[in-house]
Amino acid sequence: QEQLEKQRLWAYLQALTKANDNTTDIYVAFSNSEYYDGAGWIPDEGWDCRERPWYKGAIDSEAKICSDPFLDSITGSMVVPVGRNFTYANGITGVISMDLQLPVLIDMLDEIVDTSDGSYAVLVNNAGSILMHKNEEFISTEAEPKRVKDVLGGAYVTAISDGNAIVDYDGESKYLKASPVGTSGWVVIVVTPASVYNQVVGQILKFAVLVMIISAFAAAIIVAIYSGTI
């Protein structure tokens, strides 16, 4: 019976992974170190799912956790793990997570935010790590998370708080506007050159649309994670 349940779980994860074009993998890790991968990846001997950052971040949290991005070895694309803990029927705890394709999210942002005037969008996860930025040096990796509070000595956080312009990484004066993405804990920041700041109202309208799209995307993740019964 137990073996049959494991086979059903694996088949379920494979079906979810195949059906979701925006992810590269959906997987489950149990507190007893059992691991089931929807993409069919088999870990090397000695690999422990409980030591992975996405597991550690989600297992003790009551909320959905977006971990720092990393390079997916199979697809070669940057992905963002989005996970949440659960309690199995027999009392064993674990984490279910999916790898969200970062390029998909970046494409969505680029399509919404008008960059012709020098504006750009910054995407920050619930840990404060920068997932998307025009300057690649500011983008987080699994080995080196880049926190928005540390960018330019904290200038981004200050600009968002007091509404004053800052000198950005490219030497230009910019204004920053930020808004949370639904209840995901993510934040989208629109950076606008001071020279076109009088047009910021139009940017904010586009920004509102962007937030709604990203919120819907986050909702889809929750549905994918919790659809069916684990």
Protein backbone atom coordinates (compact mmCIF):
# COMPACT_ATOMS: atom_id res chain seq x y z
CA GLN A 1 0.00 0.00 0.00
CA GLU A 2 2.80 2.40 0.93
CA GLN A 3 4.62 1.72 -2.33
CA LEU A 4 1.42 2.35 -4.28
CA GLU A 5 0.96 5.72 -2.55
CA LYS A 6 4.52 6.71 -3.47
CA GLN A 7 3.92 5.78 -7.10
CA ARG A 8 0.73 7.84 -7.13
CA LEU A 9 2.56 10.82 -5.62
CA TRP A 10 5.31 10.63 -8.20
CA ALA A 11 2.79 10.34 -11.06
CA TYR A 12 0.88 13.31 -9.65
CA LEU A 13 4.03 15.46 -9.53
CA GLN A 14 4.99 14.47 -13.06
CA ALA A 15 1.54 15.43 -14.34
CA LEU A 16 1.68 18.81 -12.54
CA THR A 17 5.15 19.55 -13.88
CA LYS A 18 4.17 18.66 -17.43
CA ALA A 19 1.00 20.74 -17.27
CA ASN A 20 2.69 23.91 -15.98
CA ASP A 21 4.64 25.67 -18.76
CA ASN A 22 6.02 28.30 -16.37
CA THR A 23 7.94 25.87 -14.20
CA THR A 24 10.78 23.42 -14.81
CA ASP A 25 10.02 21.12 -11.88
CA ILE A 26 7.60 20.40 -9.02
CA TYR A 27 8.91 18.23 -6.22
CA VAL A 28 8.23 16.97 -2.71
CA ALA A 29 10.72 16.48 0.12
CA PHE A 30 9.81 14.70 3.34
CA SER A 31 11.34 15.18 6.78
CA ASN A 32 12.57 11.57 6.64
CA SER A 33 14.71 12.61 3.60
CA GLU A 34 12.48 10.92 0.98
CA TYR A 35 12.38 12.99 -2.20
CA TYR A 36 10.10 12.82 -5.27
CA ASP A 37 10.87 14.86 -8.37
CA GLY A 38 8.25 15.66 -11.01
CA ALA A 39 10.89 16.17 -13.70
CA GLY A 40 12.29 12.70 -13.08
CA TRP A 41 15.62 13.89 -11.66
CA ILE A 42 17.32 11.32 -9.41
CA PRO A 43 19.69 12.75 -6.76
CA ASP A 44 23.23 11.49 -6.35
CA GLU A 45 23.95 9.20 -3.43
CA GLY A 46 24.37 11.20 -0.24
CA TRP A 47 22.30 14.14 -1.47
CA ASP A 48 19.92 15.27 1.29
CA CYS A 49 16.88 17.35 0.37
CA ARG A 50 16.68 18.65 3.94
CA GLU A 51 19.93 20.55 3.45
CA ARG A 52 18.65 22.54 0.49
CA PRO A 53 17.87 26.25 1.06
CA TRP A 54 14.34 25.89 -0.37
CA TYR A 55 13.58 23.14 2.18
CA LYS A 56 15.09 24.93 5.16
CA GLY A 57 13.27 28.14 4.33
CA ALA A 58 9.84 26.56 3.95
CA ILE A 59 9.78 23.82 6.59
CA ASP A 60 9.57 26.23 9.54
CA SER A 61 7.40 28.86 7.90
CA GLU A 62 3.64 29.22 7.87
CA ALA A 63 3.74 31.11 4.59
CA LYS A 64 4.73 30.40 1.00
CA ILE A 65 8.49 30.92 0.62
CA CYS A 66 10.30 32.21 -2.47
CA SER A 67 13.96 31.24 -2.18
CA ASP A 68 16.96 32.76 -3.92
CA PRO A 69 17.30 31.89 -7.63
CA PHE A 70 19.72 29.30 -8.94
CA LEU A 71 20.81 27.90 -12.30
CA ASP A 72 18.80 24.82 -13.25
CA SER A 73 21.30 22.18 -14.40
CA ILE A 74 18.82 20.54 -16.78
CA THR A 75 17.40 23.57 -18.62
CA GLY A 76 20.29 25.99 -18.13
CA SER A 77 17.81 28.70 -17.05
CA MET A 78 17.60 30.65 -13.82
CA VAL A 79 14.73 29.45 -11.63
CA VAL A 80 13.14 30.61 -8.39
CA PRO A 81 11.99 27.91 -5.94
CA VAL A 82 8.53 28.62 -4.50
CA GLY A 83 7.55 26.26 -1.71
CA ARG A 84 5.43 25.61 1.34
CA ASN A 85 5.41 23.02 4.09
CA PHE A 86 2.73 20.43 4.75
CA THR A 87 1.88 17.57 7.08
CA TYR A 88 1.31 14.17 5.49
CA ALA A 89 -1.54 11.87 6.51
CA ASN A 90 0.75 9.79 8.74
CA GLY A 91 2.11 12.85 10.52
CA ILE A 92 5.35 13.17 8.56
CA THR A 93 6.10 16.75 7.56
CA GLY A 94 7.69 17.97 4.37
CA VAL A 95 7.91 20.65 1.71
CA ILE A 96 6.34 20.85 -1.73
CA SER A 97 8.10 23.25 -4.07
CA MET A 98 8.23 24.29 -7.70
CA ASP A 99 10.95 25.95 -9.76
CA LEU A 100 9.49 29.03 -11.41
CA GLN A 101 11.30 30.05 -14.59
CA LEU A 102 12.79 33.48 -13.94
CA PRO A 103 13.02 34.38 -17.66
CA VAL A 104 9.24 33.98 -17.94
CA LEU A 105 8.72 36.45 -15.12
CA ILE A 106 11.26 38.86 -16.61
CA ASP A 107 9.53 38.75 -20.00
CA MET A 108 6.21 39.58 -18.33
CA LEU A 109 7.75 42.60 -16.61
CA ASP A 110 9.45 43.83 -19.78
CA GLU A 111 6.18 43.66 -21.70
CA ILE A 112 4.33 45.80 -19.15
CA VAL A 113 6.87 48.42 -18.05
CA ASP A 114 7.68 51.05 -20.68
CA THR A 115 11.47 51.26 -20.77
CA SER A 116 11.69 53.72 -23.66
CA ASP A 117 12.14 56.64 -21.24
CA GLY A 118 14.86 54.90 -19.25
CA SER A 119 12.54 53.40 -16.63
CA TYR A 120 12.95 49.81 -15.50
CA ALA A 121 11.45 47.34 -13.02
CA VAL A 122 13.08 45.62 -10.08
CA LEU A 123 11.58 42.43 -8.65
CA VAL A 124 12.30 41.56 -5.01
CA ASN A 125 11.25 38.35 -3.24
CA ASN A 126 9.97 37.97 0.31
CA ALA A 127 13.53 37.57 1.63
CA GLY A 128 14.53 40.94 0.18
CA SER A 129 16.63 39.34 -2.58
CA ILE A 130 16.64 40.98 -6.00
CA LEU A 131 15.35 38.58 -8.66
CA MET A 132 15.32 41.02 -11.56
CA HIS A 133 17.29 44.20 -12.21
CA LYS A 134 18.55 46.05 -15.26
CA ASN A 135 22.06 45.82 -13.83
CA GLU A 136 22.98 42.11 -13.77
CA GLU A 137 25.46 42.75 -10.95
CA PHE A 138 22.50 43.43 -8.63
CA ILE A 139 20.69 40.13 -9.36
CA SER A 140 20.82 37.42 -6.69
CA THR A 141 22.24 33.97 -7.18
CA GLU A 142 22.10 30.95 -4.89
CA ALA A 143 25.75 31.51 -4.00
CA GLU A 144 25.47 35.28 -3.57
CA PRO A 145 22.07 36.76 -2.64
CA LYS A 146 21.80 40.48 -3.39
CA ARG A 147 19.50 42.23 -0.92
CA VAL A 148 17.68 45.39 -1.92
CA LYS A 149 18.62 46.95 1.43
CA ASP A 150 22.29 46.67 0.48
CA VAL A 151 22.04 48.13 -3.03
CA LEU A 152 24.03 51.36 -3.34
CA GLY A 153 24.54 51.42 0.42
CA GLY A 154 20.81 51.26 1.16
CA ALA A 155 19.92 54.10 -1.22
CA TYR A 156 17.01 52.18 -2.77
CA VAL A 157 15.32 51.63 0.58
CA THR A 158 15.83 55.28 1.52
CA ALA A 159 14.43 56.53 -1.80
CA ILE A 160 11.34 54.38 -1.47
CA SER A 161 10.81 55.58 2.10
CA ASP A 162 11.27 59.34 1.69
CA GLY A 163 10.34 59.79 -1.98
CA ASN A 164 13.52 61.67 -2.84
CA ALA A 165 15.62 61.03 -5.92
CA ILE A 166 18.87 59.07 -5.75
CA VAL A 167 21.88 58.70 -8.00
CA ASP A 168 21.47 55.26 -9.55
CA TYR A 169 24.20 52.79 -10.54
CA ASP A 170 24.49 54.46 -13.96
CA GLY A 171 25.09 57.91 -12.49
CA GLU A 172 21.62 59.23 -13.34
CA SER A 173 19.13 60.73 -10.92
CA LYS A 174 16.13 58.40 -10.38
CA TYR A 175 12.90 58.15 -8.40
CA LEU A 176 11.61 54.84 -7.03
CA LYS A 177 8.06 53.63 -6.48
CA ALA A 178 7.33 50.26 -4.85
CA SER A 179 4.25 48.10 -4.36
CA PRO A 180 3.70 44.66 -2.81
CA VAL A 181 2.63 41.79 -5.08
CA GLY A 182 -0.57 40.49 -3.52
CA THR A 183 0.15 38.43 -0.39
CA SER A 184 3.24 36.72 -1.79
CA GLY A 185 5.66 38.99 0.05
CA TRP A 186 7.24 40.00 -3.27
CA VAL A 187 7.72 43.66 -4.19
CA VAL A 188 7.96 45.31 -7.60
CA ILE A 189 9.90 48.57 -7.80
CA VAL A 190 9.63 50.94 -10.77
CA VAL A 191 12.75 53.10 -11.20
CA THR A 192 12.07 56.29 -13.20
CA PRO A 193 14.59 58.90 -14.39
CA ALA A 194 14.15 62.29 -12.72
CA SER A 195 14.06 63.90 -16.15
CA VAL A 196 10.75 62.20 -16.94
CA TYR A 197 9.34 62.04 -13.43
CA ASN A 198 6.43 64.30 -14.37
CA GLN A 199 5.21 61.38 -16.47
CA VAL A 200 5.34 58.99 -13.52
CA VAL A 201 1.54 58.81 -13.27
CA GLY A 202 1.48 56.88 -16.54
CA GLN A 203 4.17 54.55 -15.24
CA ILE A 204 2.20 53.91 -12.07
CA LEU A 205 -0.88 52.93 -14.10
CA LYS A 206 1.20 50.37 -15.99
CA PHE A 207 2.73 49.37 -12.70
CA ALA A 208 -0.74 48.62 -11.29
CA VAL A 209 -1.44 46.33 -14.23
CA LEU A 210 1.89 44.65 -13.65
CA VAL A 211 1.09 43.99 -10.00
CA MET A 212 -2.22 42.39 -10.94
CA ILE A 213 -0.52 40.12 -13.48
CA ILE A 214 2.17 39.03 -11.04
CA SER A 215 -0.44 38.52 -8.31
CA ALA A 216 -2.42 36.26 -10.63
CA PHE A 217 0.77 34.39 -11.42
CA ALA A 218 1.46 33.88 -7.70
CA ALA A 219 -2.12 32.68 -7.23
CA ALA A 220 -1.60 30.13 -10.00
CA ILE A 221 1.42 28.81 -8.14
CA ILE A 222 -0.63 28.33 -4.98
CA VAL A 223 -3.31 26.51 -6.93
CA ALA A 224 -0.73 24.22 -8.53
CA ILE A 225 0.84 23.43 -5.19
CA TYR A 226 -2.41 22.72 -3.38
CA SER A 227 -4.54 21.25 -6.13
CA GLY A 228 -5.49 17.71 -5.23
CA THR A 229 -4.58 16.08 -1.93
CA ILE A 230 -1.08 15.15 -0.84
